[in-house]
């Protein structure tokens, strides 16, 4: 004996199917069986689930076009970098090493100078403990020292 089962679908589609079954003079199960048999017999006439006008198909096509655009345009900088890496290096490399070491020593000197300035600034910090408010720190700087610091760090 066959048992019944439920199928979930939109109400307007169910109403159309019930009207179709009444027009054919069949029970709903028989009408569904008739439709399934018809589409199994003519497989080349099955409806397309997604046509080219369907929003999902359009979204997929847009995504594919974006990816193709990225492949065409965004890999050019990477390709140029790879080509530069595989080209032969010029023979005047030692001068670049000397220049790099000079720049490095200049940077080290500048860092040391900044370190000493920061250490001097930290030495000028004094803790203050007022009786009726929270503790805080005060920096003892003159106006000229303050302006010099601003010029140094700007």
C-alpha atoms as a PDB file:
ATOM      1  CA  UNK A   1       0.000   0.000   0.000  1.00  0.00           C
ATOM      2  CA  UNK A   2       1.289   3.469  -0.915  1.00  0.00           C
ATOM      3  CA  UNK A   3       1.748   6.030   1.794  1.00  0.00           C
ATOM      4  CA  UNK A   4       1.357   9.765   1.459  1.00  0.00           C
ATOM      5  CA  UNK A   5       4.196  12.270   1.770  1.00  0.00           C
ATOM      6  CA  UNK A   6       4.377  16.044   1.783  1.00  0.00           C
ATOM      7  CA  UNK A   7       6.162  18.231  -0.738  1.00  0.00           C
ATOM      8  CA  UNK A   8       6.925  21.836   0.108  1.00  0.00           C
ATOM      9  CA  UNK A   9       6.448  24.397  -2.651  1.00  0.00           C
ATOM     10  CA  UNK A  10       5.202  27.928  -3.062  1.00  0.00           C
ATOM     11  CA  UNK A  11       1.451  28.328  -2.564  1.00  0.00           C
ATOM     12  CA  UNK A  12       0.816  29.797  -6.035  1.00  0.00           C
ATOM     13  CA  UNK A  13       2.559  26.818  -7.677  1.00  0.00           C
ATOM     14  CA  UNK A  14       0.553  24.355  -5.575  1.00  0.00           C
ATOM     15  CA  UNK A  15      -2.669  26.140  -6.560  1.00  0.00           C
ATOM     16  CA  UNK A  16      -1.724  25.954 -10.255  1.00  0.00           C
ATOM     17  CA  UNK A  17      -0.960  22.241  -9.893  1.00  0.00           C
ATOM     18  CA  UNK A  18      -4.294  21.574  -8.167  1.00  0.00           C
ATOM     19  CA  UNK A  19      -6.122  23.442 -10.944  1.00  0.00           C
ATOM     20  CA  UNK A  20      -4.243  21.373 -13.526  1.00  0.00           C
ATOM     21  CA  UNK A  21      -5.206  18.131 -11.764  1.00  0.00           C
ATOM     22  CA  UNK A  22      -8.910  19.197 -11.658  1.00  0.00           C
ATOM     23  CA  UNK A  23      -8.862  20.113 -15.340  1.00  0.00           C
ATOM     24  CA  UNK A  24      -7.449  16.706 -16.204  1.00  0.00           C
ATOM     25  CA  UNK A  25      -9.945  14.972 -13.916  1.00  0.00           C
ATOM     26  CA  UNK A  26      -7.170  13.233 -11.987  1.00  0.00           C
ATOM     27  CA  UNK A  27      -6.121  12.954  -8.410  1.00  0.00           C
ATOM     28  CA  UNK A  28      -3.050  15.024  -7.554  1.00  0.00           C
ATOM     29  CA  UNK A  29      -0.814  11.926  -7.311  1.00  0.00           C
ATOM     30  CA  UNK A  30      -1.953  10.742 -10.722  1.00  0.00           C
ATOM     31  CA  UNK A  31      -1.400  14.198 -12.253  1.00  0.00           C
ATOM     32  CA  UNK A  32       2.122  14.361 -10.842  1.00  0.00           C
ATOM     33  CA  UNK A  33       2.859  10.841 -12.128  1.00  0.00           C
ATOM     34  CA  UNK A  34       1.537  11.888 -15.567  1.00  0.00           C
ATOM     35  CA  UNK A  35       3.834  14.938 -15.631  1.00  0.00           C
ATOM     36  CA  UNK A  36       6.880  12.922 -14.532  1.00  0.00           C
ATOM     37  CA  UNK A  37       6.236  10.233 -17.144  1.00  0.00           C
ATOM     38  CA  UNK A  38       5.865  12.890 -19.834  1.00  0.00           C
ATOM     39  CA  UNK A  39       9.232  14.467 -19.012  1.00  0.00           C
ATOM     40  CA  UNK A  40      11.005  11.119 -18.710  1.00  0.00           C
ATOM     41  CA  UNK A  41       9.788  10.174 -22.196  1.00  0.00           C
ATOM     42  CA  UNK A  42      10.907  13.420 -23.816  1.00  0.00           C
ATOM     43  CA  UNK A  43      14.221  14.206 -22.142  1.00  0.00           C
ATOM     44  CA  UNK A  44      15.226  16.728 -24.777  1.00  0.00           C
ATOM     45  CA  UNK A  45      12.165  18.836 -23.943  1.00  0.00           C
ATOM     46  CA  UNK A  46      12.886  19.178 -20.245  1.00  0.00           C
ATOM     47  CA  UNK A  47      12.650  22.747 -19.027  1.00  0.00           C
ATOM     48  CA  UNK A  48      15.848  24.646 -18.318  1.00  0.00           C
ATOM     49  CA  UNK A  49      16.137  25.355 -14.628  1.00  0.00           C
ATOM     50  CA  UNK A  50      18.360  28.401 -15.181  1.00  0.00           C
ATOM     51  CA  UNK A  51      18.125  30.430 -18.345  1.00  0.00           C
ATOM     52  CA  UNK A  52      20.675  33.078 -19.335  1.00  0.00           C
ATOM     53  CA  UNK A  53      18.322  35.743 -17.947  1.00  0.00           C
ATOM     54  CA  UNK A  54      18.276  34.180 -14.491  1.00  0.00           C
ATOM     55  CA  UNK A  55      19.914  36.399 -11.811  1.00  0.00           C
ATOM     56  CA  UNK A  56      22.180  33.599 -10.577  1.00  0.00           C
ATOM     57  CA  UNK A  57      23.558  32.983 -14.067  1.00  0.00           C
ATOM     58  CA  UNK A  58      24.129  36.712 -14.535  1.00  0.00           C
ATOM     59  CA  UNK A  59      25.959  36.915 -11.194  1.00  0.00           C
ATOM     60  CA  UNK A  60      28.176  33.959 -12.123  1.00  0.00           C
ATOM     61  CA  UNK A  61      29.012  35.535 -15.496  1.00  0.00           C
ATOM     62  CA  UNK A  62      29.868  38.844 -13.784  1.00  0.00           C
ATOM     63  CA  UNK A  63      32.127  37.040 -11.320  1.00  0.00           C
ATOM     64  CA  UNK A  64      33.891  35.215 -14.149  1.00  0.00           C
ATOM     65  CA  UNK A  65      34.452  38.477 -16.013  1.00  0.00           C
ATOM     66  CA  UNK A  66      35.886  40.103 -12.873  1.00  0.00           C
ATOM     67  CA  UNK A  67      38.267  37.177 -12.344  1.00  0.00           C
ATOM     68  CA  UNK A  68      39.373  37.310 -15.999  1.00  0.00           C
ATOM     69  CA  UNK A  69      39.974  41.049 -15.671  1.00  0.00           C
ATOM     70  CA  UNK A  70      42.092  40.468 -12.565  1.00  0.00           C
ATOM     71  CA  UNK A  71      44.074  37.759 -14.361  1.00  0.00           C
ATOM     72  CA  UNK A  72      44.755  40.076 -17.303  1.00  0.00           C
ATOM     73  CA  UNK A  73      45.555  43.305 -15.464  1.00  0.00           C
ATOM     74  CA  UNK A  74      46.714  42.454 -11.967  1.00  0.00           C
ATOM     75  CA  UNK A  75      49.435  39.965 -12.852  1.00  0.00           C
ATOM     76  CA  UNK A  76      51.395  42.475 -14.960  1.00  0.00           C
ATOM     77  CA  UNK A  77      53.257  43.997 -11.995  1.00  0.00           C
ATOM     78  CA  UNK A  78      54.110  40.526 -10.710  1.00  0.00           C
ATOM     79  CA  UNK A  79      55.258  39.469 -14.170  1.00  0.00           C
ATOM     80  CA  UNK A  80      57.485  42.554 -14.440  1.00  0.00           C
ATOM     81  CA  UNK A  81      59.011  41.831 -11.020  1.00  0.00           C
ATOM     82  CA  UNK A  82      59.732  38.229 -11.984  1.00  0.00           C
ATOM     83  CA  UNK A  83      61.357  39.329 -15.233  1.00  0.00           C
ATOM     84  CA  UNK A  84      63.542  41.793 -13.335  1.00  0.00           C
ATOM     85  CA  UNK A  85      64.639  39.016 -10.980  1.00  0.00           C
ATOM     86  CA  UNK A  86      65.681  36.706 -13.806  1.00  0.00           C
ATOM     87  CA  UNK A  87      67.562  39.356 -15.801  1.00  0.00           C
ATOM     88  CA  UNK A  88      71.326  39.459 -15.419  1.00  0.00           C
ATOM     89  CA  UNK A  89      72.557  41.775 -12.703  1.00  0.00           C
ATOM     90  CA  UNK A  90      74.935  44.609 -13.704  1.00  0.00           C
ATOM     91  CA  UNK A  91      78.597  44.271 -12.723  1.00  0.00           C
ATOM     92  CA  UNK A  92      78.748  47.492 -10.643  1.00  0.00           C
ATOM     93  CA  UNK A  93      77.272  45.831  -7.558  1.00  0.00           C
ATOM     94  CA  UNK A  94      80.099  46.661  -5.120  1.00  0.00           C
ATOM     95  CA  UNK A  95      79.313  50.367  -5.295  1.00  0.00           C
ATOM     96  CA  UNK A  96      75.718  49.631  -4.333  1.00  0.00           C
ATOM     97  CA  UNK A  97      76.983  47.687  -1.313  1.00  0.00           C
ATOM     98  CA  UNK A  98      79.174  50.597  -0.266  1.00  0.00           C
ATOM     99  CA  UNK A  99      76.269  52.980  -0.736  1.00  0.00           C
ATOM    100  CA  UNK A 100      73.999  50.706   1.283  1.00  0.00           C
ATOM    101  CA  UNK A 101      76.530  50.484   4.109  1.00  0.00           C
ATOM    102  CA  UNK A 102      76.873  54.308   4.132  1.00  0.00           C
ATOM    103  CA  UNK A 103      73.101  54.688   4.326  1.00  0.00           C
ATOM    104  CA  UNK A 104      72.999  52.121   7.111  1.00  0.00           C
ATOM    105  CA  UNK A 105      75.639  53.953   9.135  1.00  0.00           C
ATOM    106  CA  UNK A 106      73.756  57.247   8.645  1.00  0.00           C
ATOM    107  CA  UNK A 107      70.562  55.616   9.883  1.00  0.00           C
ATOM    108  CA  UNK A 108      72.387  54.176  12.890  1.00  0.00           C
ATOM    109  CA  UNK A 109      73.782  57.601  13.769  1.00  0.00           C
ATOM    110  CA  UNK A 110      70.346  59.177  13.464  1.00  0.00           C
ATOM    111  CA  UNK A 111      68.821  56.455  15.662  1.00  0.00           C
ATOM    112  CA  UNK A 112      71.504  56.957  18.294  1.00  0.00           C
ATOM    113  CA  UNK A 113      70.858  60.708  18.288  1.00  0.00           C
ATOM    114  CA  UNK A 114      67.115  60.127  18.745  1.00  0.00           C
ATOM    115  CA  UNK A 115      67.806  57.612  21.499  1.00  0.00           C
ATOM    116  CA  UNK A 116      69.864  60.144  23.451  1.00  0.00           C
ATOM    117  CA  UNK A 117      67.167  62.796  23.018  1.00  0.00           C
ATOM    118  CA  UNK A 118      64.511  60.426  24.311  1.00  0.00           C
ATOM    119  CA  UNK A 119      66.701  59.432  27.262  1.00  0.00           C
ATOM    120  CA  UNK A 120      67.202  63.111  28.145  1.00  0.00           C
ATOM    121  CA  UNK A 121      63.460  63.651  27.918  1.00  0.00           C
ATOM    122  CA  UNK A 122      62.740  60.687  30.204  1.00  0.00           C
ATOM    123  CA  UNK A 123      65.194  62.046  32.779  1.00  0.00           C
ATOM    124  CA  UNK A 124      63.171  65.281  32.925  1.00  0.00           C
ATOM    125  CA  UNK A 125      59.971  63.484  33.919  1.00  0.00           C
ATOM    126  CA  UNK A 126      58.949  63.892  37.558  1.00  0.00           C
ATOM    127  CA  UNK A 127      56.119  62.161  39.409  1.00  0.00           C
ATOM    128  CA  UNK A 128      53.604  64.483  41.067  1.00  0.00           C
ATOM    129  CA  UNK A 129      51.364  63.341  43.940  1.00  0.00           C
ATOM    130  CA  UNK A 130      48.735  65.991  44.752  1.00  0.00           C
ATOM    131  CA  UNK A 131      46.749  65.416  47.968  1.00  0.00           C
ATOM    132  CA  UNK A 132      43.230  65.565  46.452  1.00  0.00           C
ATOM    133  CA  UNK A 133      43.619  64.122  42.943  1.00  0.00           C
ATOM    134  CA  UNK A 134      45.284  61.281  41.065  1.00  0.00           C
ATOM    135  CA  UNK A 135      49.026  60.996  40.659  1.00  0.00           C
ATOM    136  CA  UNK A 136      50.494  62.159  37.361  1.00  0.00           C
ATOM    137  CA  UNK A 137      53.827  62.903  35.680  1.00  0.00           C
ATOM    138  CA  UNK A 138      55.213  66.309  34.759  1.00  0.00           C
ATOM    139  CA  UNK A 139      57.949  67.037  32.192  1.00  0.00           C
ATOM    140  CA  UNK A 140      60.273  69.893  33.120  1.00  0.00           C
ATOM    141  CA  UNK A 141      60.969  71.604  29.783  1.00  0.00           C
ATOM    142  CA  UNK A 142      61.604  75.179  28.828  1.00  0.00           C
ATOM    143  CA  UNK A 143      59.868  76.690  25.802  1.00  0.00           C
ATOM    144  CA  UNK A 144      63.033  76.472  23.707  1.00  0.00           C
ATOM    145  CA  UNK A 145      63.567  72.800  24.605  1.00  0.00           C
ATOM    146  CA  UNK A 146      59.942  72.064  23.718  1.00  0.00           C
ATOM    147  CA  UNK A 147      60.273  73.799  20.334  1.00  0.00           C
ATOM    148  CA  UNK A 148      63.522  71.926  19.615  1.00  0.00           C
ATOM    149  CA  UNK A 149      61.770  68.604  20.322  1.00  0.00           C
ATOM    150  CA  UNK A 150      58.911  69.546  18.040  1.00  0.00           C
ATOM    151  CA  UNK A 151      61.353  70.388  15.251  1.00  0.00           C
ATOM    152  CA  UNK A 152      63.255  67.176  15.782  1.00  0.00           C
ATOM    153  CA  UNK A 153      60.244  64.860  15.627  1.00  0.00           C
ATOM    154  CA  UNK A 154      58.311  66.694  12.914  1.00  0.00           C
END
